């Protein structure tokens, strides 16, 4: 089976698996990350086959929807890729991408997996968490979890551990300070940095407008 056929099969598999997923982590999120990853990859020395598979499978079973179990996604990806006769080293690479792509992984100390392909996909995934779509996804997930929009009495936690991040039920606005506004300075690639800078400004403008309306100024 050639690489293009494997990618097409992976797209079909992900679409089917994520039917009915929460709106911020559905097929359309995967598609945006996939397209952005390929865009970023043009200027990086990477294996685009691994970038494609990693981007398509990075959220195949997001731990936040599986009681925090971070082993399910890599297992599903491995099982599927084995059916496609993908070589073992590539499967392992994709598993590592799934294991280490998330923001919460950056809150952990210790040995971490790194690769140029992970850098590209991580940037693409983080770009989808900021800007207009990032704002929409943030509030969509907050609604999904029935979280308060904003509570002036609950300050953002700027020194969260991975466990605290996973278990947080803070107001949605806090998430901007606990994650989204931090992503611009965590980009790995030049292309990612350029796009992130524009989207970061948009979020700052949104927050200024939000507080103005909240306080009755506009």
N, C-alpha and C. Protein backbone atom coordinates (compact mmCIF):
# COMPACT_ATOMS: atom_id res chain seq x y z
N UNK A 1 0.85 -1.20 0.00
CA UNK A 1 0.00 0.00 0.00
C UNK A 1 0.89 1.25 0.00
N UNK A 2 0.59 2.20 -0.91
CA UNK A 2 1.43 3.39 -0.96
C UNK A 2 1.05 4.39 0.12
N UNK A 3 1.93 5.37 0.33
CA UNK A 3 1.74 6.33 1.43
C UNK A 3 0.46 7.14 1.27
N UNK A 4 0.15 7.57 0.06
CA UNK A 4 -1.05 8.38 -0.15
C UNK A 4 -2.31 7.59 0.20
N UNK A 5 -2.32 6.31 -0.14
CA UNK A 5 -3.48 5.48 0.19
C UNK A 5 -3.62 5.32 1.71
N UNK A 6 -2.49 5.18 2.39
CA UNK A 6 -2.52 5.06 3.86
C UNK A 6 -3.07 6.35 4.48
N UNK A 7 -2.65 7.50 3.95
CA UNK A 7 -3.15 8.78 4.46
C UNK A 7 -4.65 8.89 4.22
N UNK A 8 -5.10 8.50 3.04
CA UNK A 8 -6.54 8.55 2.74
C UNK A 8 -7.32 7.61 3.67
N UNK A 9 -6.77 6.44 3.93
CA UNK A 9 -7.42 5.49 4.85
C UNK A 9 -7.45 6.05 6.27
N UNK A 10 -6.38 6.75 6.64
CA UNK A 10 -6.32 7.34 7.97
C UNK A 10 -7.37 8.43 8.12
N UNK A 11 -7.53 9.25 7.11
CA UNK A 11 -8.56 10.30 7.13
C UNK A 11 -9.93 9.67 7.33
N UNK A 12 -10.23 8.63 6.57
CA UNK A 12 -11.54 7.96 6.69
C UNK A 12 -11.72 7.38 8.09
N UNK A 13 -10.66 6.78 8.65
CA UNK A 13 -10.70 6.19 9.98
C UNK A 13 -10.97 7.26 11.04
N UNK A 14 -10.27 8.38 10.94
CA UNK A 14 -10.43 9.45 11.94
C UNK A 14 -11.83 10.06 11.85
N UNK A 15 -12.30 10.30 10.65
CA UNK A 15 -13.65 10.85 10.48
C UNK A 15 -14.69 9.95 11.14
N UNK A 16 -14.57 8.66 10.93
CA UNK A 16 -15.52 7.71 11.49
C UNK A 16 -15.39 7.63 13.01
N UNK A 17 -14.17 7.60 13.50
CA UNK A 17 -13.92 7.46 14.94
C UNK A 17 -14.42 8.67 15.72
N UNK A 18 -14.30 9.86 15.13
CA UNK A 18 -14.63 11.09 15.86
C UNK A 18 -16.05 11.60 15.57
N UNK A 19 -16.88 10.77 14.99
CA UNK A 19 -18.28 11.14 14.79
C UNK A 19 -18.90 11.43 16.16
N UNK A 20 -19.55 12.58 16.28
CA UNK A 20 -20.21 12.91 17.55
C UNK A 20 -19.28 13.47 18.60
N UNK A 21 -18.01 13.73 18.25
CA UNK A 21 -17.05 14.28 19.22
C UNK A 21 -17.42 15.72 19.59
N UNK A 22 -16.95 16.18 20.74
CA UNK A 22 -17.14 17.56 21.17
C UNK A 22 -16.58 18.49 20.08
N UNK A 23 -17.28 19.61 19.85
CA UNK A 23 -17.03 20.44 18.68
C UNK A 23 -15.63 21.00 18.55
N UNK A 24 -14.89 21.12 19.65
CA UNK A 24 -13.54 21.64 19.56
C UNK A 24 -12.50 20.57 19.32
N UNK A 25 -12.93 19.30 19.36
CA UNK A 25 -11.99 18.19 19.21
C UNK A 25 -12.53 17.16 18.21
N UNK A 26 -13.23 17.65 17.21
CA UNK A 26 -13.86 16.79 16.21
C UNK A 26 -13.00 16.68 14.96
N UNK A 27 -13.57 16.11 13.90
CA UNK A 27 -12.82 15.95 12.66
C UNK A 27 -12.34 17.29 12.11
N UNK A 28 -13.16 18.34 12.25
CA UNK A 28 -12.77 19.63 11.67
C UNK A 28 -11.55 20.20 12.38
N UNK A 29 -11.42 19.94 13.68
CA UNK A 29 -10.19 20.33 14.39
C UNK A 29 -9.00 19.57 13.81
N UNK A 30 -9.17 18.28 13.61
CA UNK A 30 -8.09 17.46 13.05
C UNK A 30 -7.71 17.96 11.66
N UNK A 31 -8.71 18.26 10.86
CA UNK A 31 -8.46 18.73 9.48
C UNK A 31 -7.67 20.03 9.49
N UNK A 32 -8.03 20.96 10.38
CA UNK A 32 -7.30 22.23 10.45
C UNK A 32 -5.85 22.00 10.89
N UNK A 33 -5.65 21.15 11.88
CA UNK A 33 -4.29 20.85 12.34
C UNK A 33 -3.49 20.18 11.22
N UNK A 34 -4.10 19.26 10.52
CA UNK A 34 -3.45 18.56 9.41
C UNK A 34 -3.00 19.55 8.34
N UNK A 35 -3.89 20.46 7.94
CA UNK A 35 -3.56 21.43 6.90
C UNK A 35 -2.47 22.39 7.37
N UNK A 36 -2.57 22.86 8.61
CA UNK A 36 -1.55 23.77 9.14
C UNK A 36 -0.21 23.07 9.29
N UNK A 37 -0.24 21.80 9.67
CA UNK A 37 1.01 21.04 9.81
C UNK A 37 1.71 20.91 8.47
N UNK A 38 0.96 20.64 7.42
CA UNK A 38 1.56 20.54 6.09
C UNK A 38 2.09 21.89 5.62
N UNK A 39 1.38 22.96 5.98
CA UNK A 39 1.83 24.31 5.63
C UNK A 39 3.17 24.62 6.32
N UNK A 40 3.24 24.34 7.61
CA UNK A 40 4.47 24.61 8.38
C UNK A 40 5.61 23.72 7.88
N UNK A 41 5.27 22.48 7.55
CA UNK A 41 6.28 21.49 7.14
C UNK A 41 7.03 21.91 5.88
N UNK A 42 6.41 22.76 5.06
CA UNK A 42 7.06 23.19 3.81
C UNK A 42 8.40 23.87 4.07
N UNK A 43 8.52 24.51 5.24
CA UNK A 43 9.74 25.24 5.55
C UNK A 43 10.62 24.51 6.57
N UNK A 44 10.31 23.25 6.81
CA UNK A 44 11.07 22.48 7.80
C UNK A 44 11.60 21.19 7.16
N UNK A 45 12.69 20.69 7.70
CA UNK A 45 13.27 19.44 7.22
C UNK A 45 12.64 18.27 7.98
N UNK A 46 11.51 17.81 7.47
CA UNK A 46 10.75 16.77 8.17
C UNK A 46 10.25 15.71 7.19
N UNK A 47 9.84 14.58 7.74
CA UNK A 47 9.20 13.52 6.97
C UNK A 47 7.71 13.84 6.92
N UNK A 48 7.22 14.23 5.77
CA UNK A 48 5.82 14.67 5.68
C UNK A 48 4.83 13.53 5.86
N UNK A 49 5.27 12.29 5.64
CA UNK A 49 4.39 11.15 5.89
C UNK A 49 4.13 11.02 7.39
N UNK A 50 5.17 11.15 8.18
CA UNK A 50 5.02 11.09 9.64
C UNK A 50 4.22 12.30 10.13
N UNK A 51 4.49 13.47 9.57
CA UNK A 51 3.72 14.66 9.94
C UNK A 51 2.24 14.45 9.66
N UNK A 52 1.94 13.88 8.51
CA UNK A 52 0.54 13.65 8.13
C UNK A 52 -0.14 12.68 9.09
N UNK A 53 0.50 11.55 9.36
CA UNK A 53 -0.10 10.55 10.25
C UNK A 53 -0.22 11.09 11.68
N UNK A 54 0.82 11.78 12.13
CA UNK A 54 0.79 12.31 13.49
C UNK A 54 -0.28 13.36 13.67
N UNK A 55 -0.42 14.25 12.68
CA UNK A 55 -1.46 15.29 12.75
C UNK A 55 -2.85 14.67 12.72
N UNK A 56 -3.05 13.71 11.86
CA UNK A 56 -4.38 13.09 11.73
C UNK A 56 -4.77 12.28 12.96
N UNK A 57 -3.80 11.71 13.64
CA UNK A 57 -4.10 10.81 14.76
C UNK A 57 -3.84 11.42 16.14
N UNK A 58 -3.41 12.69 16.18
CA UNK A 58 -2.96 13.25 17.47
C UNK A 58 -4.06 13.34 18.52
N UNK A 59 -5.31 13.46 18.09
CA UNK A 59 -6.44 13.57 19.04
C UNK A 59 -7.45 12.45 18.83
N UNK A 60 -6.97 11.29 18.43
CA UNK A 60 -7.90 10.19 18.12
C UNK A 60 -8.65 9.73 19.37
N UNK A 61 -8.06 9.96 20.55
CA UNK A 61 -8.75 9.65 21.81
C UNK A 61 -8.18 10.58 22.88
N UNK A 62 -8.57 11.86 22.82
CA UNK A 62 -8.06 12.85 23.77
C UNK A 62 -8.37 12.41 25.19
N UNK A 63 -7.33 12.41 26.03
CA UNK A 63 -7.46 11.88 27.39
C UNK A 63 -8.54 12.57 28.20
N UNK A 64 -8.80 13.85 27.92
CA UNK A 64 -9.79 14.59 28.72
C UNK A 64 -11.20 14.03 28.56
N UNK A 65 -11.40 13.27 27.48
CA UNK A 65 -12.71 12.65 27.26
C UNK A 65 -12.73 11.17 27.67
N UNK A 66 -11.61 10.72 28.25
CA UNK A 66 -11.48 9.32 28.67
C UNK A 66 -10.96 9.24 30.11
N UNK A 67 -11.57 10.09 30.97
CA UNK A 67 -11.21 10.11 32.39
C UNK A 67 -9.71 10.30 32.61
N UNK A 68 -9.08 11.05 31.72
CA UNK A 68 -7.66 11.35 31.89
C UNK A 68 -6.71 10.25 31.46
N UNK A 69 -7.23 9.17 30.89
CA UNK A 69 -6.39 8.04 30.48
C UNK A 69 -5.61 8.40 29.21
N UNK A 70 -4.31 8.57 29.36
CA UNK A 70 -3.47 8.99 28.24
C UNK A 70 -2.93 7.83 27.41
N UNK A 71 -3.32 6.61 27.74
CA UNK A 71 -2.81 5.45 27.00
C UNK A 71 -3.71 5.04 25.84
N UNK A 72 -4.96 5.51 25.86
CA UNK A 72 -5.92 5.03 24.87
C UNK A 72 -5.59 5.53 23.46
N UNK A 73 -5.26 6.82 23.32
CA UNK A 73 -4.95 7.37 22.01
C UNK A 73 -3.82 6.64 21.31
N UNK A 74 -2.66 6.49 21.96
CA UNK A 74 -1.57 5.76 21.32
C UNK A 74 -1.94 4.33 20.96
N UNK A 75 -2.72 3.66 21.80
CA UNK A 75 -3.13 2.28 21.52
C UNK A 75 -4.00 2.21 20.27
N UNK A 76 -4.96 3.12 20.17
CA UNK A 76 -5.84 3.14 18.99
C UNK A 76 -5.03 3.42 17.73
N UNK A 77 -4.12 4.39 17.82
CA UNK A 77 -3.29 4.74 16.67
C UNK A 77 -2.43 3.55 16.24
N UNK A 78 -1.80 2.90 17.21
CA UNK A 78 -0.97 1.74 16.90
C UNK A 78 -1.78 0.64 16.23
N UNK A 79 -2.94 0.34 16.79
CA UNK A 79 -3.78 -0.71 16.23
C UNK A 79 -4.17 -0.42 14.79
N UNK A 80 -4.54 0.82 14.53
CA UNK A 80 -4.94 1.18 13.17
C UNK A 80 -3.75 1.12 12.21
N UNK A 81 -2.63 1.71 12.61
CA UNK A 81 -1.47 1.76 11.71
C UNK A 81 -0.92 0.38 11.39
N UNK A 82 -1.07 -0.54 12.33
CA UNK A 82 -0.65 -1.93 12.06
C UNK A 82 -1.51 -2.55 10.96
N UNK A 83 -2.79 -2.19 10.93
CA UNK A 83 -3.66 -2.72 9.86
C UNK A 83 -3.26 -2.16 8.51
N UNK A 84 -2.56 -1.02 8.52
CA UNK A 84 -2.12 -0.39 7.27
C UNK A 84 -0.70 -0.82 6.88
N UNK A 85 -0.15 -1.74 7.68
CA UNK A 85 1.20 -2.27 7.42
C UNK A 85 2.28 -1.17 7.45
N UNK A 86 2.06 -0.18 8.30
CA UNK A 86 3.06 0.89 8.48
C UNK A 86 4.23 0.31 9.26
N UNK A 87 5.45 0.70 8.89
CA UNK A 87 6.62 0.11 9.54
C UNK A 87 6.68 0.51 11.02
N UNK A 88 7.27 -0.37 11.82
CA UNK A 88 7.26 -0.25 13.28
C UNK A 88 7.86 1.06 13.77
N UNK A 89 8.93 1.52 13.15
CA UNK A 89 9.60 2.75 13.62
C UNK A 89 8.69 3.97 13.44
N UNK A 90 7.90 3.98 12.38
CA UNK A 90 6.97 5.10 12.14
C UNK A 90 5.82 5.04 13.14
N UNK A 91 5.32 3.83 13.40
CA UNK A 91 4.25 3.69 14.39
C UNK A 91 4.71 4.20 15.75
N UNK A 92 5.91 3.83 16.14
CA UNK A 92 6.44 4.29 17.43
C UNK A 92 6.57 5.81 17.45
N UNK A 93 7.01 6.38 16.35
CA UNK A 93 7.16 7.84 16.26
C UNK A 93 5.80 8.52 16.43
N UNK A 94 4.80 7.99 15.76
CA UNK A 94 3.45 8.57 15.87
C UNK A 94 2.92 8.44 17.30
N UNK A 95 3.16 7.30 17.93
CA UNK A 95 2.75 7.13 19.33
C UNK A 95 3.41 8.18 20.21
N UNK A 96 4.68 8.43 20.00
CA UNK A 96 5.40 9.42 20.80
C UNK A 96 4.86 10.83 20.55
N UNK A 97 4.49 11.11 19.33
CA UNK A 97 3.88 12.41 19.01
C UNK A 97 2.59 12.57 19.81
N UNK A 98 1.75 11.55 19.81
CA UNK A 98 0.48 11.61 20.55
C UNK A 98 0.75 11.78 22.05
N UNK A 99 1.76 11.11 22.55
CA UNK A 99 2.06 11.16 23.99
C UNK A 99 2.60 12.51 24.44
N UNK A 100 3.30 13.21 23.56
CA UNK A 100 4.02 14.41 24.00
C UNK A 100 3.54 15.71 23.36
N UNK A 101 2.48 15.67 22.58
CA UNK A 101 2.05 16.87 21.87
C UNK A 101 1.35 17.87 22.77
N UNK A 102 0.70 17.42 23.83
CA UNK A 102 -0.21 18.28 24.58
C UNK A 102 0.51 19.33 25.41
N UNK A 103 -0.22 20.41 25.69
CA UNK A 103 0.30 21.49 26.53
C UNK A 103 0.60 20.97 27.93
N UNK A 104 -0.27 20.09 28.45
CA UNK A 104 -0.06 19.61 29.81
C UNK A 104 1.23 18.81 29.95
N UNK A 105 1.69 18.21 28.85
CA UNK A 105 2.96 17.48 28.89
C UNK A 105 4.13 18.42 29.15
N UNK A 106 3.98 19.69 28.73
CA UNK A 106 5.04 20.66 28.94
C UNK A 106 5.13 21.08 30.40
N UNK A 107 4.11 20.72 31.19
CA UNK A 107 4.11 21.07 32.61
C UNK A 107 4.84 20.02 33.45
N UNK A 108 5.21 18.92 32.80
CA UNK A 108 5.91 17.83 33.49
C UNK A 108 7.42 18.05 33.42
N UNK A 109 8.10 17.60 34.45
CA UNK A 109 9.55 17.57 34.43
C UNK A 109 10.01 16.19 33.96
N UNK A 110 11.27 16.06 33.60
CA UNK A 110 11.79 14.76 33.21
C UNK A 110 12.08 14.67 31.73
N UNK A 111 12.45 13.47 31.30
CA UNK A 111 12.84 13.24 29.91
C UNK A 111 11.63 13.38 28.99
N UNK A 112 11.81 14.07 27.90
CA UNK A 112 10.73 14.25 26.94
C UNK A 112 11.18 13.78 25.56
N UNK A 113 10.23 13.31 24.77
CA UNK A 113 10.49 12.94 23.38
C UNK A 113 10.52 14.20 22.54
N UNK A 114 11.46 14.30 21.63
CA UNK A 114 11.50 15.43 20.70
C UNK A 114 11.76 14.92 19.29
N UNK A 115 11.22 15.63 18.33
CA UNK A 115 11.52 15.37 16.92
C UNK A 115 11.04 16.57 16.11
N UNK A 116 11.64 16.81 14.95
CA UNK A 116 11.17 17.92 14.10
C UNK A 116 9.71 17.75 13.71
N UNK A 117 9.27 16.51 13.52
CA UNK A 117 7.88 16.25 13.14
C UNK A 117 6.93 16.63 14.28
N UNK A 118 7.31 16.28 15.51
CA UNK A 118 6.50 16.69 16.67
C UNK A 118 6.44 18.21 16.76
N UNK A 119 7.57 18.88 16.53
CA UNK A 119 7.60 20.34 16.59
C UNK A 119 6.57 20.94 15.63
N UNK A 120 6.52 20.41 14.43
CA UNK A 120 5.60 20.93 13.40
C UNK A 120 4.15 20.70 13.81
N UNK A 121 3.83 19.48 14.22
CA UNK A 121 2.44 19.15 14.58
C UNK A 121 2.01 19.89 15.83
N UNK A 122 2.91 20.01 16.78
CA UNK A 122 2.60 20.73 18.02
C UNK A 122 2.27 22.18 17.72
N UNK A 123 3.04 22.81 16.84
CA UNK A 123 2.74 24.18 16.44
C UNK A 123 1.37 24.27 15.78
N UNK A 124 1.08 23.34 14.88
CA UNK A 124 -0.21 23.35 14.18
C UNK A 124 -1.36 23.17 15.16
N UNK A 125 -1.19 22.30 16.13
CA UNK A 125 -2.22 22.05 17.13
C UNK A 125 -2.40 23.29 18.02
N UNK A 126 -1.31 23.90 18.40
CA UNK A 126 -1.39 25.09 19.26
C UNK A 126 -1.98 26.28 18.52
N UNK A 127 -1.74 26.38 17.22
CA UNK A 127 -2.35 27.46 16.45
C UNK A 127 -3.87 27.34 16.45
N UNK A 128 -4.38 26.13 16.50
CA UNK A 128 -5.83 25.94 16.51
C UNK A 128 -6.42 26.26 17.88
N UNK A 129 -5.56 26.49 18.87
CA UNK A 129 -6.04 26.83 20.21
C UNK A 129 -6.04 28.34 20.45
N UNK A 130 -5.58 29.12 19.47
CA UNK A 130 -5.52 30.57 19.64
C UNK A 130 -6.19 31.26 18.46
N UNK A 131 -6.35 32.59 18.56
CA UNK A 131 -7.04 33.32 17.52
C UNK A 131 -8.55 33.12 17.61
N UNK A 132 -9.25 33.44 16.54
CA UNK A 132 -10.72 33.37 16.54
C UNK A 132 -11.23 31.96 16.81
N UNK A 133 -10.65 30.98 16.13
CA UNK A 133 -11.09 29.60 16.34
C UNK A 133 -10.72 29.13 17.73
N UNK A 134 -9.56 29.54 18.21
CA UNK A 134 -9.16 29.17 19.56
C UNK A 134 -10.14 29.69 20.60
N UNK A 135 -10.60 30.93 20.42
CA UNK A 135 -11.59 31.50 21.33
C UNK A 135 -12.89 30.70 21.26
N UNK A 136 -13.33 30.39 20.05
CA UNK A 136 -14.56 29.62 19.87
C UNK A 136 -14.45 28.24 20.53
N UNK A 137 -13.32 27.58 20.33
CA UNK A 137 -13.11 26.25 20.92
C UNK A 137 -13.07 26.33 22.44
N UNK A 138 -12.44 27.36 22.94
CA UNK A 138 -12.32 27.53 24.39
C UNK A 138 -13.70 27.62 25.04
N UNK A 139 -14.57 28.46 24.49
CA UNK A 139 -15.90 28.62 25.08
C UNK A 139 -16.80 27.42 24.78
N UNK A 140 -16.57 26.77 23.65
CA UNK A 140 -17.34 25.56 23.35
C UNK A 140 -17.06 24.49 24.39
N UNK A 141 -15.78 24.30 24.73
CA UNK A 141 -15.42 23.30 25.72
C UNK A 141 -15.90 23.71 27.11
N UNK A 142 -15.80 25.01 27.41
CA UNK A 142 -16.31 25.49 28.69
C UNK A 142 -17.80 25.21 28.85
N UNK A 143 -18.55 25.40 27.76
CA UNK A 143 -19.98 25.08 27.78
C UNK A 143 -20.21 23.58 27.93
N UNK A 144 -19.41 22.80 27.23
CA UNK A 144 -19.49 21.34 27.31
C UNK A 144 -19.31 20.86 28.75
N UNK A 145 -18.42 21.55 29.50
CA UNK A 145 -18.14 21.19 30.90
C UNK A 145 -18.97 22.02 31.88
N UNK A 146 -19.89 22.83 31.35
CA UNK A 146 -20.77 23.67 32.17
C UNK A 146 -19.98 24.59 33.10
N UNK A 147 -18.94 25.20 32.59
CA UNK A 147 -18.11 26.10 33.39
C UNK A 147 -18.63 27.53 33.33
N UNK A 148 -18.36 28.27 34.38
CA UNK A 148 -18.67 29.70 34.41
C UNK A 148 -17.86 30.42 33.33
N UNK A 149 -18.47 31.43 32.71
CA UNK A 149 -17.73 32.21 31.72
C UNK A 149 -16.55 32.92 32.38
N UNK A 150 -16.85 33.61 33.47
CA UNK A 150 -15.85 34.44 34.13
C UNK A 150 -16.31 34.70 35.56
N UNK A 151 -15.38 34.68 36.48
CA UNK A 151 -15.67 35.04 37.87
C UNK A 151 -14.50 35.88 38.37
N UNK A 152 -14.70 37.18 38.56
CA UNK A 152 -13.60 38.06 38.97
C UNK A 152 -12.95 37.63 40.28
N UNK A 153 -13.64 36.83 41.07
CA UNK A 153 -13.11 36.42 42.37
C UNK A 153 -12.20 35.21 42.28
N UNK A 154 -12.18 34.56 41.10
CA UNK A 154 -11.32 33.37 40.93
C UNK A 154 -10.17 33.73 40.00
N UNK A 155 -8.99 33.90 40.57
CA UNK A 155 -7.82 34.31 39.78
C UNK A 155 -7.24 33.12 39.01
N UNK A 156 -6.67 33.36 37.85
CA UNK A 156 -5.99 32.28 37.11
C UNK A 156 -4.85 31.70 37.94
N UNK A 157 -4.61 30.41 37.77
CA UNK A 157 -3.49 29.73 38.43
C UNK A 157 -2.33 29.70 37.44
N UNK A 158 -1.32 30.50 37.68
CA UNK A 158 -0.23 30.64 36.72
C UNK A 158 0.94 29.71 37.00
N UNK A 159 0.79 28.85 38.00
CA UNK A 159 1.87 27.91 38.34
C UNK A 159 1.32 26.49 38.48
N UNK A 160 0.55 26.08 37.49
CA UNK A 160 -0.11 24.77 37.58
C UNK A 160 0.82 23.61 37.29
N UNK A 161 0.64 22.55 38.05
CA UNK A 161 1.26 21.27 37.72
C UNK A 161 0.40 20.59 36.65
N UNK A 162 0.90 19.51 36.10
CA UNK A 162 0.12 18.77 35.11
C UNK A 162 -1.19 18.26 35.72
N UNK A 163 -1.15 17.75 36.95
CA UNK A 163 -2.35 17.22 37.59
C UNK A 163 -3.36 18.33 37.85
N UNK A 164 -2.88 19.48 38.32
CA UNK A 164 -3.79 20.60 38.58
C UNK A 164 -4.45 21.06 37.28
N UNK A 165 -3.67 21.07 36.20
CA UNK A 165 -4.21 21.47 34.89
C UNK A 165 -5.31 20.49 34.45
N UNK A 166 -5.04 19.21 34.59
CA UNK A 166 -6.00 18.19 34.17
C UNK A 166 -7.30 18.26 34.96
N UNK A 167 -7.20 18.64 36.24
CA UNK A 167 -8.37 18.61 37.12
C UNK A 167 -9.04 19.96 37.31
N UNK A 168 -8.56 20.97 36.60
CA UNK A 168 -9.10 22.31 36.78
C UNK A 168 -10.54 22.42 36.30
N UNK A 169 -11.37 23.14 37.06
CA UNK A 169 -12.73 23.46 36.61
C UNK A 169 -12.97 24.96 36.71
N UNK A 170 -11.89 25.73 36.51
CA UNK A 170 -11.93 27.18 36.62
C UNK A 170 -12.78 27.81 35.51
N UNK A 171 -13.20 29.06 35.68
CA UNK A 171 -13.96 29.75 34.64
C UNK A 171 -13.20 29.77 33.31
N UNK A 172 -13.94 29.82 32.22
CA UNK A 172 -13.34 29.73 30.89
C UNK A 172 -12.32 30.85 30.63
N UNK A 173 -12.61 32.05 31.07
CA UNK A 173 -11.67 33.16 30.83
C UNK A 173 -10.29 32.86 31.43
N UNK A 174 -10.26 32.16 32.55
CA UNK A 174 -8.97 31.84 33.18
C UNK A 174 -8.07 31.04 32.26
N UNK A 175 -8.68 30.25 31.38
CA UNK A 175 -7.91 29.39 30.48
C UNK A 175 -7.03 30.21 29.53
N UNK A 176 -7.45 31.43 29.25
CA UNK A 176 -6.62 32.30 28.40
C UNK A 176 -5.27 32.55 29.06
N UNK A 177 -5.29 32.78 30.35
CA UNK A 177 -4.06 33.11 31.08
C UNK A 177 -3.27 31.87 31.48
N UNK A 178 -3.98 30.77 31.66
CA UNK A 178 -3.33 29.52 32.09
C UNK A 178 -2.75 28.75 30.91
N UNK A 179 -3.20 29.07 29.69
CA UNK A 179 -2.68 28.36 28.52
C UNK A 179 -2.59 29.21 27.26
N UNK A 180 -3.73 29.73 26.79
CA UNK A 180 -3.80 30.28 25.43
C UNK A 180 -2.84 31.43 25.19
N UNK A 181 -2.72 32.34 26.14
CA UNK A 181 -1.82 33.49 25.95
C UNK A 181 -0.35 33.11 26.11
N UNK A 182 -0.10 31.90 26.58
CA UNK A 182 1.28 31.44 26.75
C UNK A 182 1.82 30.77 25.48
N UNK A 183 0.93 30.40 24.57
CA UNK A 183 1.33 29.56 23.44
C UNK A 183 2.21 30.29 22.43
N UNK A 184 2.02 31.58 22.28
CA UNK A 184 2.82 32.34 21.30
C UNK A 184 4.32 32.15 21.55
N UNK A 185 4.71 32.12 22.80
CA UNK A 185 6.14 32.01 23.13
C UNK A 185 6.61 30.56 23.24
N UNK A 186 5.71 29.62 22.93
CA UNK A 186 6.09 28.21 22.98
C UNK A 186 6.17 27.57 21.59
N UNK A 187 6.04 28.40 20.55
CA UNK A 187 6.09 27.86 19.20
C UNK A 187 7.50 27.38 18.85
N UNK A 188 7.55 26.31 18.09
CA UNK A 188 8.83 25.67 17.75
C UNK A 188 9.42 26.16 16.43
N UNK A 189 8.58 26.60 15.51
CA UNK A 189 9.02 26.92 14.15
C UNK A 189 8.79 28.40 13.83
N UNK A 190 9.52 28.88 12.85
CA UNK A 190 9.38 30.28 12.45
C UNK A 190 7.99 30.57 11.91
N UNK A 191 7.47 29.66 11.08
CA UNK A 191 6.12 29.85 10.53
C UNK A 191 5.09 29.86 11.64
N UNK A 192 5.23 28.94 12.58
CA UNK A 192 4.31 28.88 13.72
C UNK A 192 4.35 30.16 14.52
N UNK A 193 5.53 30.70 14.74
CA UNK A 193 5.69 31.94 15.50
C UNK A 193 5.01 33.12 14.80
N UNK A 194 5.17 33.18 13.49
CA UNK A 194 4.58 34.28 12.73
C UNK A 194 3.04 34.26 12.81
N UNK A 195 2.47 33.10 12.60
CA UNK A 195 1.00 32.99 12.64
C UNK A 195 0.50 33.22 14.06
N UNK A 196 1.21 32.67 15.04
CA UNK A 196 0.79 32.79 16.44
C UNK A 196 0.79 34.24 16.90
N UNK A 197 1.73 35.04 16.43
CA UNK A 197 1.81 36.45 16.84
C UNK A 197 0.54 37.19 16.44
N UNK A 198 0.05 36.96 15.24
CA UNK A 198 -1.18 37.61 14.77
C UNK A 198 -2.38 37.15 15.59
N UNK A 199 -2.47 35.87 15.84
CA UNK A 199 -3.62 35.33 16.57
C UNK A 199 -3.59 35.76 18.04
N UNK A 200 -2.40 35.92 18.58
CA UNK A 200 -2.26 36.37 19.96
C UNK A 200 -2.83 37.78 20.13
N UNK A 201 -2.52 38.66 19.19
CA UNK A 201 -3.04 40.03 19.23
C UNK A 201 -4.57 40.01 19.18
N UNK A 202 -5.13 39.15 18.36
CA UNK A 202 -6.59 39.04 18.25
C UNK A 202 -7.20 38.65 19.60
N UNK A 203 -6.57 37.72 20.31
CA UNK A 203 -7.08 37.30 21.63
C UNK A 203 -6.99 38.44 22.64
N UNK A 204 -5.91 39.20 22.59
CA UNK A 204 -5.78 40.34 23.50
C UNK A 204 -6.89 41.36 23.25
N UNK A 205 -7.20 41.59 21.97
CA UNK A 205 -8.28 42.52 21.63
C UNK A 205 -9.62 41.98 22.12
N UNK A 206 -9.83 40.68 21.96
CA UNK A 206 -11.07 40.07 22.44
C UNK A 206 -11.22 40.24 23.95
N UNK A 207 -10.16 39.99 24.70
CA UNK A 207 -10.23 40.09 26.15
C UNK A 207 -10.50 41.53 26.59
N UNK A 208 -9.90 42.49 25.92
CA UNK A 208 -10.15 43.89 26.25
C UNK A 208 -11.63 44.23 26.04
N UNK A 209 -12.18 43.76 24.93
CA UNK A 209 -13.60 43.98 24.64
C UNK A 209 -14.48 43.25 25.66
N UNK A 210 -14.10 42.03 26.00
CA UNK A 210 -14.87 41.22 26.96
C UNK A 210 -14.99 41.95 28.29
N UNK A 211 -13.85 42.43 28.82
CA UNK A 211 -13.86 43.10 30.12
C UNK A 211 -14.62 44.42 30.06
N UNK A 212 -14.50 45.12 28.94
CA UNK A 212 -15.24 46.37 28.78
C UNK A 212 -16.75 46.12 28.85
N UNK A 213 -17.20 45.08 28.15
CA UNK A 213 -18.63 44.75 28.18
C UNK A 213 -19.05 44.23 29.54
N UNK A 214 -18.21 43.42 30.15
CA UNK A 214 -18.52 42.85 31.48
C UNK A 214 -18.73 43.96 32.51
N UNK A 215 -17.89 44.98 32.41
CA UNK A 215 -17.94 46.07 33.38
C UNK A 215 -18.88 47.21 32.98
N UNK A 216 -19.59 47.03 31.86
CA UNK A 216 -20.60 47.99 31.47
C UNK A 216 -20.06 49.25 30.84
N UNK A 217 -18.86 49.17 30.27
CA UNK A 217 -18.26 50.37 29.67
C UNK A 217 -18.70 50.54 28.22
N UNK A 218 -19.14 49.46 27.57
CA UNK A 218 -19.53 49.55 26.17
C UNK A 218 -20.84 48.81 25.95
